[in-house]
Amino acid sequence: MTFDWTHGPLAEGLHDYNIGEFFAAHEAWESVWLTAPQPEKTFLQGLIQVTVAFHHLHRNNSLGTQRLLHSALRKLETYPPNFCGIDVTLLCNDIRNGLKSLESDPPTSQLIPPQINPH
């Protein structure tokens, strides 16, 4: 399956993600996830978990954020460095750094969403 991040639901979700509309990004990407074959389906599930994690963070649910980021990382780190046009290495490194910030004492209050950069 070829992912087109320039138009359609993937592009809409990416735009929503980049402006901090995480629930809307989740909804847009879920529409693609529902019909995606493997291994793209699990990859999209990881991206969706990242969006939902930041939705939880904005609702002050740090534990939910951590759990979803861990789950997303377990899925995403199994993929090659570039998958479906996304820099997976950068994405996973950003998730790991975010988790370190959340798990620090005291937790970092301002967490930057991981970069999801199609190329």
C-alpha atoms as a PDB file:
ATOM      1  CA  MET A   1       0.000   0.000   0.000  1.00  0.00           C
ATOM      2  CA  THR A   2       1.316   3.432  -0.914  1.00  0.00           C
ATOM      3  CA  PHE A   3       0.754   6.253   1.546  1.00  0.00           C
ATOM      4  CA  ASP A   4       0.060   9.688   0.094  1.00  0.00           C
ATOM      5  CA  TRP A   5       0.666  12.356   2.714  1.00  0.00           C
ATOM      6  CA  THR A   6      -0.107  15.215   0.279  1.00  0.00           C
ATOM      7  CA  HIS A   7      -3.905  14.899   0.109  1.00  0.00           C
ATOM      8  CA  GLY A   8      -6.779  12.885   1.494  1.00  0.00           C
ATOM      9  CA  PRO A   9      -7.192  11.577   5.052  1.00  0.00           C
ATOM     10  CA  LEU A  10      -3.467  11.070   5.678  1.00  0.00           C
ATOM     11  CA  ALA A  11      -2.728  14.693   4.761  1.00  0.00           C
ATOM     12  CA  GLU A  12      -5.713  15.919   6.793  1.00  0.00           C
ATOM     13  CA  GLY A  13      -4.560  13.942   9.815  1.00  0.00           C
ATOM     14  CA  LEU A  14      -1.001  15.191   9.448  1.00  0.00           C
ATOM     15  CA  HIS A  15      -2.221  18.794   9.269  1.00  0.00           C
ATOM     16  CA  ASP A  16      -4.404  18.260  12.349  1.00  0.00           C
ATOM     17  CA  TYR A  17      -1.505  16.631  14.213  1.00  0.00           C
ATOM     18  CA  ASN A  18       0.859  19.478  13.371  1.00  0.00           C
ATOM     19  CA  ILE A  19      -1.561  22.114  14.696  1.00  0.00           C
ATOM     20  CA  GLY A  20      -2.251  20.142  17.884  1.00  0.00           C
ATOM     21  CA  GLU A  21      -5.694  18.832  16.949  1.00  0.00           C
ATOM     22  CA  PHE A  22      -4.823  15.324  18.076  1.00  0.00           C
ATOM     23  CA  PHE A  23      -8.307  13.852  18.264  1.00  0.00           C
ATOM     24  CA  ALA A  24      -9.067  15.050  14.725  1.00  0.00           C
ATOM     25  CA  ALA A  25      -5.768  13.532  13.511  1.00  0.00           C
ATOM     26  CA  HIS A  26      -6.752  10.259  15.126  1.00  0.00           C
ATOM     27  CA  GLU A  27     -10.107  10.296  13.362  1.00  0.00           C
ATOM     28  CA  ALA A  28      -8.594  11.037   9.948  1.00  0.00           C
ATOM     29  CA  TRP A  29      -5.938   8.331  10.218  1.00  0.00           C
ATOM     30  CA  GLU A  30      -8.375   5.806  11.637  1.00  0.00           C
ATOM     31  CA  SER A  31     -10.395   6.008   8.421  1.00  0.00           C
ATOM     32  CA  VAL A  32      -7.319   4.729   6.534  1.00  0.00           C
ATOM     33  CA  TRP A  33      -6.362   2.242   9.263  1.00  0.00           C
ATOM     34  CA  LEU A  34      -9.719   0.471   9.014  1.00  0.00           C
ATOM     35  CA  THR A  35      -8.985  -0.807   5.493  1.00  0.00           C
ATOM     36  CA  ALA A  36      -5.173  -0.910   5.506  1.00  0.00           C
ATOM     37  CA  PRO A  37      -3.400  -4.249   5.005  1.00  0.00           C
ATOM     38  CA  GLN A  38      -0.519  -5.401   7.179  1.00  0.00           C
ATOM     39  CA  PRO A  39       2.139  -4.216   7.885  1.00  0.00           C
ATOM     40  CA  GLU A  40       0.755  -0.721   7.208  1.00  0.00           C
ATOM     41  CA  LYS A  41      -2.198  -1.333   9.538  1.00  0.00           C
ATOM     42  CA  THR A  42      -0.009  -1.823  12.610  1.00  0.00           C
ATOM     43  CA  PHE A  43       2.187   1.113  11.591  1.00  0.00           C
ATOM     44  CA  LEU A  44      -0.873   3.379  11.392  1.00  0.00           C
ATOM     45  CA  GLN A  45      -2.046   2.034  14.731  1.00  0.00           C
ATOM     46  CA  GLY A  46       1.254   3.211  16.234  1.00  0.00           C
ATOM     47  CA  LEU A  47       0.806   6.685  14.729  1.00  0.00           C
ATOM     48  CA  ILE A  48      -2.757   6.808  16.005  1.00  0.00           C
ATOM     49  CA  GLN A  49      -1.586   5.847  19.493  1.00  0.00           C
ATOM     50  CA  VAL A  50       0.801   8.799  19.425  1.00  0.00           C
ATOM     51  CA  THR A  51      -2.070  11.149  18.578  1.00  0.00           C
ATOM     52  CA  VAL A  52      -4.286   9.699  21.294  1.00  0.00           C
ATOM     53  CA  ALA A  53      -1.401   9.949  23.793  1.00  0.00           C
ATOM     54  CA  PHE A  54      -1.187  13.691  23.206  1.00  0.00           C
ATOM     55  CA  HIS A  55      -4.958  13.993  23.410  1.00  0.00           C
ATOM     56  CA  HIS A  56      -4.661  12.386  26.870  1.00  0.00           C
ATOM     57  CA  LEU A  57      -1.817  14.739  27.775  1.00  0.00           C
ATOM     58  CA  HIS A  58      -4.001  17.762  26.994  1.00  0.00           C
ATOM     59  CA  ARG A  59      -6.601  16.251  29.313  1.00  0.00           C
ATOM     60  CA  ASN A  60      -3.958  16.012  32.092  1.00  0.00           C
ATOM     61  CA  ASN A  61      -3.800  12.203  31.937  1.00  0.00           C
ATOM     62  CA  SER A  62      -0.049  11.659  32.208  1.00  0.00           C
ATOM     63  CA  LEU A  63      -0.357   7.933  32.948  1.00  0.00           C
ATOM     64  CA  GLY A  64      -2.540   7.376  29.866  1.00  0.00           C
ATOM     65  CA  THR A  65      -0.050   9.373  27.808  1.00  0.00           C
ATOM     66  CA  GLN A  66       2.867   7.257  29.011  1.00  0.00           C
ATOM     67  CA  ARG A  67       1.074   3.966  28.395  1.00  0.00           C
ATOM     68  CA  LEU A  68       0.052   4.920  24.861  1.00  0.00           C
ATOM     69  CA  LEU A  69       3.515   6.218  23.980  1.00  0.00           C
ATOM     70  CA  HIS A  70       5.097   2.986  25.235  1.00  0.00           C
ATOM     71  CA  SER A  71       2.627   0.966  23.182  1.00  0.00           C
ATOM     72  CA  ALA A  72       3.218   3.104  20.089  1.00  0.00           C
ATOM     73  CA  LEU A  73       6.980   2.795  20.486  1.00  0.00           C
ATOM     74  CA  ARG A  74       6.791  -1.010  20.743  1.00  0.00           C
ATOM     75  CA  LYS A  75       4.921  -1.074  17.432  1.00  0.00           C
ATOM     76  CA  LEU A  76       6.875   1.591  15.550  1.00  0.00           C
ATOM     77  CA  GLU A  77      10.414   0.574  16.475  1.00  0.00           C
ATOM     78  CA  THR A  78       9.952  -2.726  14.607  1.00  0.00           C
ATOM     79  CA  TYR A  79       9.733  -0.902  11.270  1.00  0.00           C
ATOM     80  CA  PRO A  80      12.631   0.085   8.991  1.00  0.00           C
ATOM     81  CA  PRO A  81      14.123   3.603   9.339  1.00  0.00           C
ATOM     82  CA  ASN A  82      11.864   4.888   6.566  1.00  0.00           C
ATOM     83  CA  PHE A  83       8.431   3.303   6.276  1.00  0.00           C
ATOM     84  CA  CYS A  84       5.392   4.598   4.406  1.00  0.00           C
ATOM     85  CA  GLY A  85       7.318   7.800   3.750  1.00  0.00           C
ATOM     86  CA  ILE A  86       7.859   8.528   7.465  1.00  0.00           C
ATOM     87  CA  ASP A  87      11.228   8.949   9.186  1.00  0.00           C
ATOM     88  CA  VAL A  88      10.639   6.188  11.748  1.00  0.00           C
ATOM     89  CA  THR A  89      14.024   6.644  13.423  1.00  0.00           C
ATOM     90  CA  LEU A  90      13.324  10.308  14.179  1.00  0.00           C
ATOM     91  CA  LEU A  91       9.793   9.504  15.329  1.00  0.00           C
ATOM     92  CA  CYS A  92      10.923   6.754  17.719  1.00  0.00           C
ATOM     93  CA  ASN A  93      13.739   8.912  19.115  1.00  0.00           C
ATOM     94  CA  ASP A  94      11.260  11.718  19.770  1.00  0.00           C
ATOM     95  CA  ILE A  95       8.905   9.288  21.535  1.00  0.00           C
ATOM     96  CA  ARG A  96      11.758   7.990  23.716  1.00  0.00           C
ATOM     97  CA  ASN A  97      12.764  11.555  24.634  1.00  0.00           C
ATOM     98  CA  GLY A  98       9.157  12.410  25.461  1.00  0.00           C
ATOM     99  CA  LEU A  99       8.864   9.361  27.692  1.00  0.00           C
ATOM    100  CA  LYS A 100      12.068  10.345  29.528  1.00  0.00           C
ATOM    101  CA  SER A 101      10.576  13.788  30.138  1.00  0.00           C
ATOM    102  CA  LEU A 102       7.279  12.356  31.379  1.00  0.00           C
ATOM    103  CA  GLU A 103       9.012   9.873  33.655  1.00  0.00           C
ATOM    104  CA  SER A 104      11.487  12.378  35.120  1.00  0.00           C
ATOM    105  CA  ASP A 105      11.047  13.728  38.629  1.00  0.00           C
ATOM    106  CA  PRO A 106       9.383  16.174  38.409  1.00  0.00           C
ATOM    107  CA  PRO A 107       7.835  15.498  34.996  1.00  0.00           C
ATOM    108  CA  THR A 108       8.468  18.058  32.294  1.00  0.00           C
ATOM    109  CA  SER A 109       5.297  20.088  31.968  1.00  0.00           C
ATOM    110  CA  GLN A 110       5.682  21.067  28.315  1.00  0.00           C
ATOM    111  CA  LEU A 111       6.060  18.013  26.101  1.00  0.00           C
ATOM    112  CA  ILE A 112       6.672  18.516  22.390  1.00  0.00           C
ATOM    113  CA  PRO A 113       4.830  16.049  20.143  1.00  0.00           C
ATOM    114  CA  PRO A 114       7.082  13.667  18.195  1.00  0.00           C
ATOM    115  CA  GLN A 115       7.879  14.679  14.636  1.00  0.00           C
ATOM    116  CA  ILE A 116       5.926  12.823  12.008  1.00  0.00           C
ATOM    117  CA  ASN A 117       7.761  13.936   8.893  1.00  0.00           C
ATOM    118  CA  PRO A 118       6.822  12.445   5.543  1.00  0.00           C
ATOM    119  CA  HIS A 119       9.403  12.695   2.793  1.00  0.00           C
END
